[in-house]
Amino acid sequence: MDRVLTYRLDLSTGKLTAAEVPWVSSKPGAGPRHFDFHPGMKHAYVINELDSTIVAFAYDRPKGILREIQTISTLPPGFSADNTVAHIHVHP
């Protein structure tokens, strides 16, 4: 799907609804796998399983909007073997 979907949670009903902008697209074939917020809730990160990259997003919490600000490889320069990634965790 190459998208990170975003939802709003209604705490009174427990229901999820699509956010104002319901997804952010990733590079075709990247394969977003795991997502984590920075503890300050101003940034979020996704690890892309298929192309071994990390994407940093600015997060507009009131609107639930993610805006890509940087993509970097998880691999050293010149690495050419098969590789996939699975998790990202943000430490306070």
N, C-alpha and C. Protein backbone atom coordinates (compact mmCIF):
# COMPACT_ATOMS: atom_id res chain seq x y z
N MET A 1 0.83 -1.19 0.00
CA MET A 1 0.00 0.00 0.00
C MET A 1 0.88 1.26 0.00
N ASP A 2 2.08 1.19 0.59
CA ASP A 2 3.00 2.33 0.63
C ASP A 2 2.34 3.61 1.15
N ARG A 3 1.61 3.46 2.24
CA ARG A 3 0.98 4.59 2.91
C ARG A 3 1.03 4.39 4.42
N VAL A 4 1.07 5.50 5.14
CA VAL A 4 0.87 5.49 6.58
C VAL A 4 -0.51 6.12 6.79
N LEU A 5 -1.43 5.34 7.32
CA LEU A 5 -2.80 5.81 7.53
C LEU A 5 -2.90 6.55 8.86
N THR A 6 -3.73 7.58 8.90
CA THR A 6 -3.91 8.37 10.12
C THR A 6 -5.38 8.43 10.50
N TYR A 7 -5.62 8.33 11.80
CA TYR A 7 -6.98 8.29 12.33
C TYR A 7 -7.11 9.22 13.54
N ARG A 8 -8.33 9.58 13.83
CA ARG A 8 -8.67 10.30 15.06
C ARG A 8 -9.38 9.30 15.97
N LEU A 9 -9.09 9.39 17.26
CA LEU A 9 -9.75 8.55 18.25
C LEU A 9 -10.70 9.40 19.06
N ASP A 10 -11.98 9.05 19.06
CA ASP A 10 -12.96 9.70 19.91
C ASP A 10 -12.93 8.99 21.26
N LEU A 11 -12.35 9.64 22.25
CA LEU A 11 -12.19 9.00 23.56
C LEU A 11 -13.52 8.69 24.24
N SER A 12 -14.57 9.44 23.93
CA SER A 12 -15.86 9.19 24.57
C SER A 12 -16.55 7.94 24.02
N THR A 13 -16.31 7.63 22.73
CA THR A 13 -16.97 6.47 22.12
C THR A 13 -16.01 5.33 21.82
N GLY A 14 -14.72 5.63 21.78
CA GLY A 14 -13.73 4.62 21.42
C GLY A 14 -13.66 4.36 19.93
N LYS A 15 -14.30 5.21 19.12
CA LYS A 15 -14.32 4.99 17.67
C LYS A 15 -13.20 5.73 16.97
N LEU A 16 -12.67 5.07 15.93
CA LEU A 16 -11.68 5.66 15.06
C LEU A 16 -12.36 6.20 13.81
N THR A 17 -11.92 7.39 13.38
CA THR A 17 -12.36 7.94 12.10
C THR A 17 -11.12 8.45 11.37
N ALA A 18 -11.20 8.49 10.06
CA ALA A 18 -10.06 8.97 9.28
C ALA A 18 -9.74 10.41 9.67
N ALA A 19 -8.45 10.73 9.74
CA ALA A 19 -8.01 12.09 10.05
C ALA A 19 -8.34 13.01 8.88
N GLU A 20 -8.14 14.30 9.09
CA GLU A 20 -8.40 15.31 8.05
C GLU A 20 -7.66 14.96 6.77
N VAL A 21 -6.41 14.57 6.90
CA VAL A 21 -5.63 14.01 5.78
C VAL A 21 -5.43 12.55 6.15
N PRO A 22 -6.15 11.62 5.50
CA PRO A 22 -6.22 10.23 5.99
C PRO A 22 -4.97 9.38 5.79
N TRP A 23 -3.99 9.85 5.03
CA TRP A 23 -2.75 9.10 4.89
C TRP A 23 -1.66 10.01 4.35
N VAL A 24 -0.44 9.51 4.49
CA VAL A 24 0.71 10.11 3.84
C VAL A 24 1.35 8.99 3.03
N SER A 25 1.67 9.29 1.79
CA SER A 25 2.27 8.29 0.91
C SER A 25 3.76 8.18 1.14
N SER A 26 4.27 6.98 0.94
CA SER A 26 5.72 6.78 0.99
C SER A 26 6.21 6.54 -0.44
N LYS A 27 7.51 6.47 -0.58
CA LYS A 27 8.10 6.17 -1.88
C LYS A 27 7.56 4.81 -2.36
N PRO A 28 7.16 4.70 -3.61
CA PRO A 28 6.66 3.41 -4.11
C PRO A 28 7.66 2.29 -3.86
N GLY A 29 7.17 1.21 -3.26
CA GLY A 29 8.00 0.05 -2.97
C GLY A 29 8.78 0.12 -1.67
N ALA A 30 8.61 1.22 -0.90
CA ALA A 30 9.36 1.37 0.36
C ALA A 30 8.88 0.38 1.42
N GLY A 31 7.58 0.16 1.50
CA GLY A 31 7.03 -0.80 2.45
C GLY A 31 7.04 -0.34 3.89
N PRO A 32 6.32 0.74 4.23
CA PRO A 32 6.27 1.17 5.64
C PRO A 32 5.85 0.01 6.54
N ARG A 33 6.58 -0.17 7.64
CA ARG A 33 6.31 -1.32 8.51
C ARG A 33 6.00 -0.92 9.94
N HIS A 34 6.79 -0.06 10.53
CA HIS A 34 6.62 0.25 11.95
C HIS A 34 6.75 1.76 12.13
N PHE A 35 5.93 2.30 13.02
CA PHE A 35 5.79 3.74 13.21
C PHE A 35 5.90 4.06 14.69
N ASP A 36 6.54 5.18 15.02
CA ASP A 36 6.64 5.58 16.42
C ASP A 36 6.70 7.10 16.51
N PHE A 37 6.05 7.64 17.54
CA PHE A 37 6.10 9.07 17.82
C PHE A 37 7.28 9.39 18.72
N HIS A 38 7.84 10.57 18.52
CA HIS A 38 8.79 11.13 19.48
C HIS A 38 7.99 11.47 20.73
N PRO A 39 8.56 11.34 21.93
CA PRO A 39 7.80 11.64 23.16
C PRO A 39 7.21 13.06 23.20
N GLY A 40 7.83 14.02 22.52
CA GLY A 40 7.31 15.38 22.49
C GLY A 40 6.12 15.56 21.56
N MET A 41 5.80 14.53 20.78
CA MET A 41 4.66 14.50 19.86
C MET A 41 4.74 15.55 18.74
N LYS A 42 5.93 16.10 18.48
CA LYS A 42 6.08 17.03 17.36
C LYS A 42 6.66 16.34 16.13
N HIS A 43 7.19 15.14 16.33
CA HIS A 43 7.78 14.38 15.24
C HIS A 43 7.38 12.91 15.35
N ALA A 44 7.45 12.23 14.21
CA ALA A 44 7.17 10.80 14.16
C ALA A 44 8.11 10.18 13.14
N TYR A 45 8.27 8.87 13.25
CA TYR A 45 9.23 8.17 12.40
C TYR A 45 8.61 6.87 11.91
N VAL A 46 8.93 6.51 10.66
CA VAL A 46 8.50 5.22 10.12
C VAL A 46 9.72 4.52 9.55
N ILE A 47 9.78 3.22 9.79
CA ILE A 47 10.83 2.39 9.20
C ILE A 47 10.22 1.69 7.99
N ASN A 48 10.91 1.77 6.87
CA ASN A 48 10.43 1.14 5.64
C ASN A 48 11.16 -0.18 5.43
N GLU A 49 10.40 -1.24 5.48
CA GLU A 49 10.96 -2.59 5.46
C GLU A 49 11.66 -2.93 4.15
N LEU A 50 11.08 -2.56 3.04
CA LEU A 50 11.56 -3.08 1.77
C LEU A 50 12.75 -2.31 1.19
N ASP A 51 12.85 -1.00 1.48
CA ASP A 51 14.01 -0.26 0.96
C ASP A 51 14.96 0.19 2.07
N SER A 52 14.75 -0.31 3.29
CA SER A 52 15.66 -0.07 4.42
C SER A 52 15.94 1.43 4.63
N THR A 53 14.85 2.20 4.77
CA THR A 53 14.98 3.62 5.05
C THR A 53 14.16 3.99 6.28
N ILE A 54 14.51 5.14 6.85
CA ILE A 54 13.74 5.74 7.94
C ILE A 54 13.24 7.09 7.44
N VAL A 55 11.96 7.37 7.67
CA VAL A 55 11.40 8.66 7.30
C VAL A 55 11.03 9.41 8.58
N ALA A 56 11.48 10.66 8.66
CA ALA A 56 11.12 11.54 9.77
C ALA A 56 10.00 12.46 9.29
N PHE A 57 8.99 12.63 10.15
CA PHE A 57 7.86 13.49 9.84
C PHE A 57 7.72 14.58 10.89
N ALA A 58 7.29 15.75 10.48
CA ALA A 58 6.77 16.75 11.40
C ALA A 58 5.31 16.37 11.61
N TYR A 59 4.82 16.50 12.86
CA TYR A 59 3.46 16.07 13.17
C TYR A 59 2.64 17.25 13.67
N ASP A 60 1.56 17.54 12.97
CA ASP A 60 0.59 18.56 13.39
C ASP A 60 -0.49 17.82 14.17
N ARG A 61 -0.33 17.79 15.48
CA ARG A 61 -1.22 16.98 16.32
C ARG A 61 -2.69 17.40 16.24
N PRO A 62 -3.01 18.70 16.30
CA PRO A 62 -4.44 19.06 16.24
C PRO A 62 -5.14 18.58 14.96
N LYS A 63 -4.43 18.58 13.85
CA LYS A 63 -5.03 18.15 12.58
C LYS A 63 -4.73 16.70 12.24
N GLY A 64 -3.75 16.10 12.93
CA GLY A 64 -3.37 14.72 12.63
C GLY A 64 -2.63 14.59 11.32
N ILE A 65 -1.88 15.63 10.94
CA ILE A 65 -1.20 15.63 9.65
C ILE A 65 0.29 15.36 9.83
N LEU A 66 0.79 14.44 9.01
CA LEU A 66 2.22 14.13 8.96
C LEU A 66 2.80 14.78 7.71
N ARG A 67 3.96 15.44 7.87
CA ARG A 67 4.66 16.06 6.73
C ARG A 67 6.09 15.54 6.72
N GLU A 68 6.47 14.88 5.65
CA GLU A 68 7.81 14.30 5.56
C GLU A 68 8.86 15.41 5.58
N ILE A 69 9.90 15.21 6.42
CA ILE A 69 10.98 16.19 6.47
C ILE A 69 12.34 15.60 6.11
N GLN A 70 12.49 14.27 6.23
CA GLN A 70 13.78 13.66 5.89
C GLN A 70 13.62 12.16 5.69
N THR A 71 14.37 11.62 4.74
CA THR A 71 14.46 10.17 4.54
C THR A 71 15.94 9.81 4.49
N ILE A 72 16.32 8.81 5.30
CA ILE A 72 17.71 8.35 5.28
C ILE A 72 17.74 6.82 5.21
N SER A 73 18.84 6.31 4.70
CA SER A 73 19.04 4.86 4.61
C SER A 73 19.48 4.32 5.97
N THR A 74 19.11 3.08 6.23
CA THR A 74 19.61 2.39 7.43
C THR A 74 20.89 1.63 7.12
N LEU A 75 21.32 1.67 5.88
CA LEU A 75 22.47 0.87 5.44
C LEU A 75 23.69 1.75 5.20
N PRO A 76 24.88 1.20 5.40
CA PRO A 76 26.09 1.97 5.11
C PRO A 76 26.28 2.15 3.60
N PRO A 77 26.99 3.20 3.21
CA PRO A 77 27.25 3.41 1.78
C PRO A 77 27.90 2.18 1.16
N GLY A 78 27.43 1.84 -0.04
CA GLY A 78 28.01 0.72 -0.77
C GLY A 78 27.47 -0.65 -0.40
N PHE A 79 26.60 -0.75 0.59
CA PHE A 79 26.04 -2.04 0.99
C PHE A 79 25.16 -2.56 -0.14
N SER A 80 25.34 -3.84 -0.51
CA SER A 80 24.59 -4.36 -1.66
C SER A 80 23.92 -5.70 -1.40
N ALA A 81 24.04 -6.26 -0.21
CA ALA A 81 23.40 -7.55 0.10
C ALA A 81 21.91 -7.34 0.35
N ASP A 82 21.16 -8.43 0.34
CA ASP A 82 19.73 -8.36 0.68
C ASP A 82 19.59 -7.88 2.11
N ASN A 83 18.56 -7.08 2.36
CA ASN A 83 18.34 -6.55 3.69
C ASN A 83 16.89 -6.11 3.83
N THR A 84 16.33 -6.30 5.01
CA THR A 84 15.03 -5.73 5.36
C THR A 84 15.13 -5.25 6.80
N VAL A 85 14.23 -4.36 7.19
CA VAL A 85 14.19 -3.84 8.54
C VAL A 85 12.79 -4.06 9.10
N ALA A 86 12.65 -3.98 10.44
CA ALA A 86 11.36 -4.33 11.02
C ALA A 86 10.82 -3.33 12.03
N HIS A 87 11.64 -2.78 12.91
CA HIS A 87 11.11 -1.96 14.02
C HIS A 87 11.88 -0.65 14.14
N ILE A 88 11.18 0.32 14.68
CA ILE A 88 11.83 1.56 15.11
C ILE A 88 11.24 1.93 16.46
N HIS A 89 12.10 2.33 17.38
CA HIS A 89 11.66 2.76 18.71
C HIS A 89 12.37 4.05 19.03
N VAL A 90 11.65 5.01 19.60
CA VAL A 90 12.22 6.30 19.95
C VAL A 90 12.42 6.34 21.45
N HIS A 91 13.64 6.62 21.85
CA HIS A 91 13.97 6.68 23.28
C HIS A 91 13.83 8.13 23.77
N PRO A 92 13.23 8.31 24.94
CA PRO A 92 13.06 9.69 25.43
C PRO A 92 14.37 10.40 25.60
